[in-house]
Protein backbone atom coordinates (compact mmCIF):
# COMPACT_ATOMS: atom_id res chain seq x y z
CA MET A 1 -14.14 -9.57 12.20
CA LYS A 2 -12.40 -9.61 15.55
CA ILE A 3 -8.86 -10.87 15.54
CA LYS A 4 -9.53 -13.39 18.35
CA TYR A 5 -12.23 -14.94 16.20
CA LEU A 6 -9.74 -15.14 13.35
CA LEU A 7 -7.32 -16.95 15.64
CA PHE A 8 -10.07 -19.45 16.50
CA MET A 9 -10.80 -19.96 12.81
CA LEU A 10 -7.11 -20.51 12.09
CA ILE A 11 -6.76 -23.19 14.73
CA ILE A 12 -10.09 -24.99 14.37
CA ILE A 13 -11.17 -24.98 10.75
CA PRO A 14 -9.15 -27.23 8.41
CA ILE A 15 -9.43 -24.89 5.45
CA SER A 16 -7.60 -22.25 7.43
CA LEU A 17 -4.79 -24.70 8.03
CA ALA A 18 -4.62 -25.27 4.30
CA ILE A 19 -4.34 -21.53 3.77
CA ALA A 20 -1.58 -21.29 6.37
CA ALA A 21 0.33 -23.99 4.50
CA ASN A 22 0.20 -21.92 1.30
CA GLN A 23 0.89 -18.47 2.63
CA ASN A 24 2.53 -17.23 -0.57
CA LYS A 25 -0.73 -17.56 -2.50
CA ASP A 26 -3.68 -15.24 -3.02
CA ILE A 27 -6.87 -16.09 -1.16
CA PRO A 28 -10.50 -15.11 -1.76
CA VAL A 29 -12.10 -13.24 1.12
CA GLN A 30 -15.70 -12.13 1.57
CA ALA A 31 -16.13 -9.01 3.68
CA GLN A 32 -18.43 -6.09 4.27
CA GLY A 33 -18.17 -2.55 5.54
CA THR A 34 -20.34 0.40 6.48
CA GLY A 35 -19.86 4.13 6.04
CA SER A 36 -21.53 7.47 5.45
CA THR A 37 -20.84 7.17 1.70
CA GLU A 38 -20.44 4.32 -0.76
CA ASN A 39 -16.71 4.96 -0.99
CA SER A 40 -16.17 4.95 2.78
CA ALA A 41 -18.21 1.74 3.08
CA LEU A 42 -16.11 0.14 0.33
CA LEU A 43 -12.92 1.22 2.08
CA ALA A 44 -14.15 -0.29 5.33
CA ALA A 45 -14.92 -3.55 3.52
CA LYS A 46 -11.39 -3.65 2.09
CA ARG A 47 -9.92 -3.03 5.54
CA ASN A 48 -11.98 -5.92 6.92
CA ALA A 49 -10.70 -8.14 4.11
CA VAL A 50 -7.11 -7.19 4.96
CA GLU A 51 -7.75 -7.88 8.64
CA GLN A 52 -8.87 -11.38 7.78
CA GLY A 53 -5.65 -11.89 5.82
CA ILE A 54 -3.54 -10.61 8.68
CA GLY A 55 -5.37 -12.96 11.01
CA THR A 56 -3.81 -15.85 9.10
CA PHE A 57 -0.40 -14.82 10.43
CA ILE A 58 -1.24 -13.79 13.97
CA ILE A 59 -0.82 -16.86 16.13
CA SER A 60 -0.10 -15.69 19.67
CA GLN A 61 -1.89 -13.64 22.30
CA THR A 62 1.04 -11.21 22.38
CA GLU A 63 0.78 -10.60 18.63
CA ILE A 64 -2.96 -10.08 18.98
CA ASN A 65 -2.39 -7.46 21.68
CA ASN A 66 0.33 -5.74 19.65
CA PHE A 67 -1.89 -5.70 16.59
CA GLU A 68 -4.72 -4.07 18.52
CA LEU A 69 -2.36 -1.34 19.82
CA GLN A 70 -1.44 -0.22 16.30
CA LYS A 71 -4.41 -1.54 14.32
CA ASP A 72 -5.26 1.59 12.32
CA ILE A 73 -1.66 2.19 11.27
CA ILE A 74 -1.05 -1.42 10.27
CA LEU A 75 -4.28 -1.83 8.30
CA SER A 76 -3.71 1.43 6.43
CA ARG A 77 -0.25 0.29 5.34
CA ALA A 78 -1.56 -3.10 4.25
CA MET A 79 -4.33 -1.88 1.94
CA GLY A 80 -2.11 -2.63 -1.07
CA SER A 81 -2.46 -6.35 -0.38
CA VAL A 82 -6.02 -6.26 -1.80
CA LYS A 83 -5.44 -7.16 -5.45
CA LYS A 84 -8.99 -7.46 -6.76
CA VAL A 85 -12.44 -6.41 -5.53
CA ASP A 86 -15.87 -7.47 -6.81
CA ILE A 87 -18.79 -5.60 -5.26
CA LEU A 88 -21.56 -8.06 -4.41
CA GLU A 89 -24.10 -5.68 -2.93
CA LYS A 90 -24.66 -2.02 -2.06
CA ILE A 91 -27.36 -1.10 0.41
CA LYS A 92 -28.45 2.36 1.49
CA ARG A 93 -29.87 2.01 4.97
CA ALA A 94 -32.68 3.93 6.65
CA ASP A 95 -30.26 6.20 8.55
CA GLY A 96 -28.56 7.26 5.30
CA SER A 97 -25.44 5.16 5.77
CA TYR A 98 -24.24 2.54 3.29
CA LEU A 99 -23.46 -1.16 3.55
CA VAL A 100 -21.14 -2.67 0.93
CA LYS A 101 -20.42 -6.40 0.56
CA ILE A 102 -17.44 -7.55 -1.49
CA ASN A 103 -15.47 -10.51 -2.70
CA ALA A 104 -11.78 -9.64 -2.53
CA ILE A 105 -8.53 -11.32 -3.48
CA VAL A 106 -5.96 -10.74 -0.76
CA SER A 107 -2.26 -11.33 -1.42
CA LEU A 108 -0.89 -13.37 1.46
CA ALA A 109 2.61 -12.95 0.05
CA SER A 110 2.25 -9.18 0.35
CA ILE A 111 1.01 -9.41 3.93
CA LYS A 112 3.72 -11.92 4.80
CA SER A 113 6.47 -9.63 3.54
CA ASP A 114 5.09 -6.53 5.22
CA LEU A 115 3.00 -7.46 8.21
CA VAL A 116 4.33 -10.48 9.99
CA ALA A 117 4.91 -10.33 13.72
CA LEU A 118 8.12 -8.30 13.32
CA LYS A 119 6.31 -5.37 11.72
CA ILE A 120 3.60 -5.45 14.36
CA LEU A 121 6.27 -5.61 17.05
CA LEU A 122 8.17 -2.60 15.67
CA GLU A 123 5.00 -0.53 15.47
CA SER A 124 4.20 -1.41 19.06
CA MET A 125 7.73 -0.36 20.09
CA ASP A 126 7.21 3.10 18.49
CA ARG A 127 9.64 2.14 15.71
CA PRO A 128 12.96 2.12 17.61
CA ARG A 129 15.90 3.84 15.89
CA MET A 130 19.12 1.90 15.37
CA MET A 131 22.67 3.19 15.02
CA VAL A 132 25.54 1.10 13.62
CA MET A 133 29.26 1.77 14.10
CA VAL A 134 31.67 -0.89 12.84
CA ALA A 135 35.42 -0.32 12.72
CA GLU A 136 36.88 -1.77 9.52
CA LYS A 137 40.22 -1.12 7.87
CA ASN A 138 39.98 -0.05 4.22
CA GLY A 139 36.22 -0.21 3.89
CA LYS A 140 32.70 0.00 5.31
CA THR A 141 31.36 -3.32 4.01
CA GLY A 142 30.50 -4.76 7.43
CA GLU A 143 28.70 -1.63 8.62
CA ASN A 144 26.83 -1.12 5.33
CA THR A 145 25.73 -4.78 5.20
CA ILE A 146 24.31 -4.62 8.73
CA ILE A 147 22.53 -1.33 7.94
CA ASN A 148 20.98 -2.81 4.79
CA TYR A 149 19.92 -5.90 6.76
CA LEU A 150 18.14 -3.75 9.34
CA ARG A 151 16.44 -1.61 6.71
CA GLU A 152 15.16 -4.67 4.91
CA LYS A 153 13.59 -5.69 8.21
CA GLN A 154 11.85 -2.28 8.37
CA PHE A 155 14.05 -0.82 11.12
CA THR A 156 14.70 2.91 11.22
CA VAL A 157 18.44 3.53 11.04
CA VAL A 158 20.26 6.73 12.05
CA ASP A 159 21.64 8.62 9.04
CA VAL A 160 24.81 6.96 7.77
CA ALA A 161 26.46 10.35 7.15
CA SER A 162 26.13 11.21 10.85
CA VAL A 163 27.87 7.97 11.80
CA ALA A 164 30.64 8.58 9.26
CA ALA A 165 31.24 12.08 10.64
CA LEU A 166 31.52 10.68 14.16
CA MET A 167 33.98 8.00 13.10
CA LYS A 168 36.27 10.62 11.51
CA LYS A 169 36.52 12.58 14.75
CA GLY A 170 38.52 9.84 16.40
CA ASP A 171 38.34 11.46 19.83
CA GLY A 172 38.77 9.53 23.04
CA PHE A 173 35.05 9.08 23.62
CA ILE A 174 34.51 7.60 20.16
CA GLN A 175 37.48 5.32 20.67
CA GLN A 176 36.02 4.09 23.96
CA ALA A 177 32.77 3.19 22.23
CA MET A 178 34.52 1.42 19.38
CA ALA A 179 36.60 -0.50 21.92
CA GLY A 180 33.33 -1.90 23.31
CA ASP A 181 32.51 0.46 26.21
CA PRO A 182 28.69 0.19 26.49
CA VAL A 183 28.31 3.43 28.47
CA ALA A 184 30.22 5.44 25.86
CA ALA A 185 28.30 3.76 23.03
CA ALA A 186 24.96 4.42 24.74
CA ARG A 187 25.76 8.10 25.19
CA ILE A 188 26.77 8.47 21.55
CA GLY A 189 23.63 6.68 20.42
CA SER A 190 21.32 8.74 22.64
CA SER A 191 22.90 12.02 21.53
CA ASN A 192 22.17 11.05 17.92
CA GLY A 193 18.58 10.01 18.53
CA ALA A 194 19.17 6.25 18.56
CA ASP A 195 17.43 3.80 20.87
CA TYR A 196 19.87 0.97 20.18
CA MET A 197 23.50 0.91 19.11
CA ILE A 198 25.38 -1.86 17.31
CA ILE A 199 29.14 -1.52 17.72
CA GLY A 200 31.65 -3.91 16.21
CA LYS A 201 34.98 -4.56 14.57
CA VAL A 202 36.02 -6.36 11.37
CA THR A 203 39.30 -8.25 11.13
CA LYS A 204 40.45 -9.38 7.67
CA ASP A 205 43.02 -11.94 6.58
CA THR A 206 44.10 -14.05 3.61
CA SER A 207 45.17 -17.67 3.18
CA THR A 208 46.79 -19.67 0.44
CA SER A 209 46.73 -23.27 -0.76
CA ASP A 210 48.22 -25.25 -3.63
CA PHE A 211 44.77 -25.70 -5.16
CA LEU A 212 43.98 -21.98 -5.12
CA SER A 213 47.42 -21.13 -6.50
CA GLU A 214 46.72 -23.30 -9.53
CA THR A 215 43.34 -21.62 -10.15
CA GLY A 216 44.58 -18.08 -9.71
CA LEU A 217 41.99 -17.44 -6.99
CA LYS A 218 42.73 -15.74 -3.69
CA SER A 219 41.09 -16.68 -0.38
CA GLY A 220 39.86 -13.97 1.94
CA GLN A 221 38.62 -14.37 5.52
CA ALA A 222 36.73 -11.93 7.70
CA SER A 223 35.80 -12.02 11.36
CA ILE A 224 33.20 -9.69 12.85
CA SER A 225 32.63 -9.26 16.56
CA ALA A 226 29.73 -7.02 17.58
CA LYS A 227 27.37 -6.20 20.40
CA ILE A 228 24.02 -4.45 20.59
CA ILE A 229 23.42 -1.94 23.39
CA ASN A 230 20.25 -0.37 24.76
CA CYS A 231 21.02 3.36 24.66
CA SER A 232 18.58 4.13 27.48
CA SER A 233 20.17 1.82 30.03
CA ALA A 234 23.62 1.13 28.51
CA ARG A 235 22.73 -2.55 28.92
CA ILE A 236 24.37 -5.03 26.53
CA ILE A 237 21.59 -7.08 24.95
CA ALA A 238 23.79 -9.50 23.04
CA THR A 239 27.32 -10.12 21.76
CA PHE A 240 28.25 -12.31 18.85
CA THR A 241 31.25 -13.18 16.65
CA THR A 242 31.25 -14.81 13.24
CA VAL A 243 33.86 -15.84 10.69
CA SER A 244 33.37 -16.34 6.95
CA GLY A 245 35.51 -16.85 3.89
CA ALA A 246 35.29 -16.18 0.16
CA VAL A 247 37.46 -16.53 -2.94
CA HIS A 248 38.14 -14.15 -5.84
CA THR A 249 40.87 -13.30 -8.27
CA SER A 250 41.44 -10.14 -6.22
CA VAL A 251 42.52 -10.33 -2.57
CA ALA A 252 40.63 -7.13 -1.74
CA MET A 253 37.43 -8.42 -3.37
CA ALA A 254 37.76 -11.80 -1.63
CA GLN A 255 38.01 -10.03 1.73
CA THR A 256 35.07 -7.77 0.88
CA LYS A 257 32.87 -10.73 -0.01
CA ALA A 258 33.96 -12.56 3.15
CA THR A 259 33.09 -9.51 5.24
CA GLU A 260 29.65 -9.27 3.68
CA LYS A 261 28.98 -12.96 4.35
CA ALA A 262 30.20 -12.62 7.94
CA ALA A 263 27.96 -9.60 8.58
CA ILE A 264 24.85 -11.39 7.32
CA LYS A 265 25.77 -14.47 9.33
CA LEU A 266 26.25 -12.27 12.41
CA MET A 267 22.73 -10.90 12.15
CA ASP A 268 21.04 -14.16 11.11
CA GLN A 269 22.62 -16.31 13.79
CA GLY A 270 22.79 -14.02 16.79
CA LEU A 271 22.22 -10.31 17.09
CA PHE A 272 18.91 -10.03 15.26
CA GLU A 273 17.18 -12.79 17.20
CA LYS A 274 18.44 -11.41 20.52
CA THR A 275 17.26 -7.92 19.60
CA ILE A 276 13.76 -9.10 18.72
CA SER A 277 13.57 -11.17 21.90
CA SER A 278 14.50 -8.08 23.89
CA PHE A 279 11.79 -6.04 22.15
CA GLN A 280 9.22 -8.74 22.79
CA ASP A 281 10.13 -8.83 26.46
CA MET A 282 9.63 -5.07 26.70
CA ILE A 283 6.23 -5.31 25.03
CA ASN A 284 5.20 -8.14 27.34
CA ASN A 285 6.58 -6.79 30.60
CA GLY A 286 7.43 -3.10 30.07
CA VAL A 287 10.70 -1.19 30.60
CA PRO A 288 11.64 0.63 33.82
CA LEU A 289 11.78 4.42 33.54
CA ASP A 290 13.23 6.70 36.21
CA VAL A 291 10.69 9.51 36.53
CA THR A 292 11.23 12.58 38.72
CA ILE A 293 8.38 15.05 39.29
CA LYS A 294 9.40 18.41 40.76
CA ASN A 295 7.35 21.04 42.62
CA VAL A 296 5.17 18.44 44.34
CA THR A 297 4.19 20.38 47.44
CA ASP A 298 2.42 17.91 49.72
CA PHE A 299 1.55 14.30 50.38
CA GLN A 300 -1.93 14.48 48.84
CA THR A 301 -0.53 15.97 45.63
CA GLN A 302 2.06 13.22 45.28
CA LYS A 303 -0.71 10.65 45.64
CA ALA A 304 -2.67 12.40 42.88
CA VAL A 305 0.43 12.47 40.65
CA ARG A 306 1.00 8.76 41.12
CA ARG A 307 -2.65 8.06 40.38
CA ILE A 308 -2.53 10.03 37.10
CA ILE A 309 0.75 8.39 36.00
CA LYS A 310 -0.66 4.94 36.74
CA SER A 311 -3.76 5.68 34.62
CA LEU A 312 -1.72 6.41 31.48
CA ASN A 313 -2.04 3.95 28.61
CA ARG A 314 0.73 1.29 28.56
CA VAL A 315 1.81 1.95 32.15
CA VAL A 316 2.15 -1.43 33.91
CA SER A 317 3.08 -0.25 37.39
CA VAL A 318 4.25 2.78 39.37
CA THR A 319 6.60 2.43 42.35
CA LYS A 320 7.50 5.33 44.63
CA ARG A 321 11.21 5.50 45.38
CA SER A 322 11.22 8.69 47.43
CA PHE A 323 9.35 11.91 48.18
CA SER A 324 11.41 14.74 49.67
CA LYS A 325 11.84 18.52 49.30
CA GLY A 326 9.17 18.76 46.62
CA ARG A 327 10.62 15.96 44.49
CA LEU A 328 8.73 12.76 43.84
CA LYS A 329 10.86 9.98 42.37
CA LEU A 330 9.14 7.05 40.70
CA THR A 331 10.04 3.90 38.83
CA VAL A 332 7.47 3.49 36.07
CA LEU A 333 7.22 0.17 34.25
CA TYR A 334 6.08 1.20 30.79
CA LYS A 335 5.36 -0.67 27.55
CA GLY A 336 7.20 1.73 25.27
CA ASN A 337 10.10 4.18 25.47
CA ALA A 338 10.79 7.38 27.41
CA ASP A 339 9.63 9.58 24.53
CA SER A 340 6.22 7.95 24.17
CA PHE A 341 5.76 7.97 27.96
CA SER A 342 6.60 11.69 28.03
CA GLU A 343 4.09 12.41 25.28
CA ALA A 344 1.42 10.61 27.30
CA ALA A 345 2.26 12.38 30.57
CA ASP A 346 2.92 15.89 29.29
CA GLY A 347 -0.04 18.24 29.75
CA LYS A 348 -1.95 16.11 32.24
CA ILE A 349 -3.77 18.25 34.84
CA ILE A 350 -3.49 17.62 38.58
CA SER A 351 -5.25 19.92 41.07
CA GLU A 352 -5.33 22.78 38.54
CA LYS A 353 -1.62 22.33 37.81
CA VAL A 354 -0.07 20.82 34.69
CA LEU A 355 2.60 18.16 34.24
CA SER A 356 5.31 19.57 31.96
CA VAL A 357 8.16 17.35 30.73
CA SER A 358 11.46 19.23 30.91
CA GLU A 359 14.15 16.59 30.35
CA ILE A 360 14.46 13.20 28.66
CA GLU A 361 17.78 11.39 28.79
CA GLY A 362 17.90 7.68 28.12
CA SER A 363 15.43 6.04 30.48
CA SER A 364 15.22 9.09 32.78
CA VAL A 365 12.42 11.65 32.58
CA VAL A 366 12.13 14.89 34.56
CA ILE A 367 8.71 16.53 34.87
CA TYR A 368 7.66 19.81 36.51
CA LEU A 369 4.27 20.28 38.11
CA LYS A 370 3.40 23.88 37.18
């Protein structure tokens, strides 16, 4: 069933609204599928049942488009949401193929936890990699809490050991990044394979009161200030600061608990929402890439190059910045990142020559026409 039809069903038919109001429940779905064998037809029927379940959650045109971009990947990962299948009918057709009709029970709770708009968005963004560096005296609670938060949201996070090794170096460049320099942070993130970098600092303190003194509890406070940076452009997406407190019989434990609370608050109330909004904007409108094509010998060839680049999937627009001494410089608005653009462009043939990507750094791509 087409996802646009599912959207229509969700909006128009009252029973669908009832389902949407009880999204943690299991729902019965009737579906069918075709294939060259009974098993492949049954698998297709299950996939159609899952698609109907996913349709319950997809409510915007953007989400529909993002779903279509990564449909096969998303449906494959969601097959576990089919909890029960009753085969209603098996038909072997004249051409030798099979048609299987089923009643299935689809777990909306499973789909909700795994395939809401965030998951679809991340798939459409080619699963951006995050890097987290948080300066904290006597601990890593803030950094580890943010990393766990991101992982729970299905983000890919750069290896923690790599970050720890960087922090121990303590060289001037690292210090610049930790002091909030977005250019330094972006360069560190890019060199470690990250698309986005979260840099921050934790400040801890204690307080006392007559009441706490009588109970034997200690009060700990923690403040976290952080910013998220696009490693391709060194652009600051968002900055945020939070403060939280906690009590414990141990001062160190009170501060640790306060830091954990502050880190979660930081993500819930600021950085996470801003990050997702930034991703959504890129999916909707594309990101600008600086693309240089070398060995472009004449005017007709540069026109052919621009035509091929513009025809690539997810390219929104191509603007020529200059053409001189065999170098064609373009600004390409692309719904993805520099890596996925390079994969799409590499190997394309123009006038018996081949586009060959030679450099990728941040949002800049260098291509040779060989």
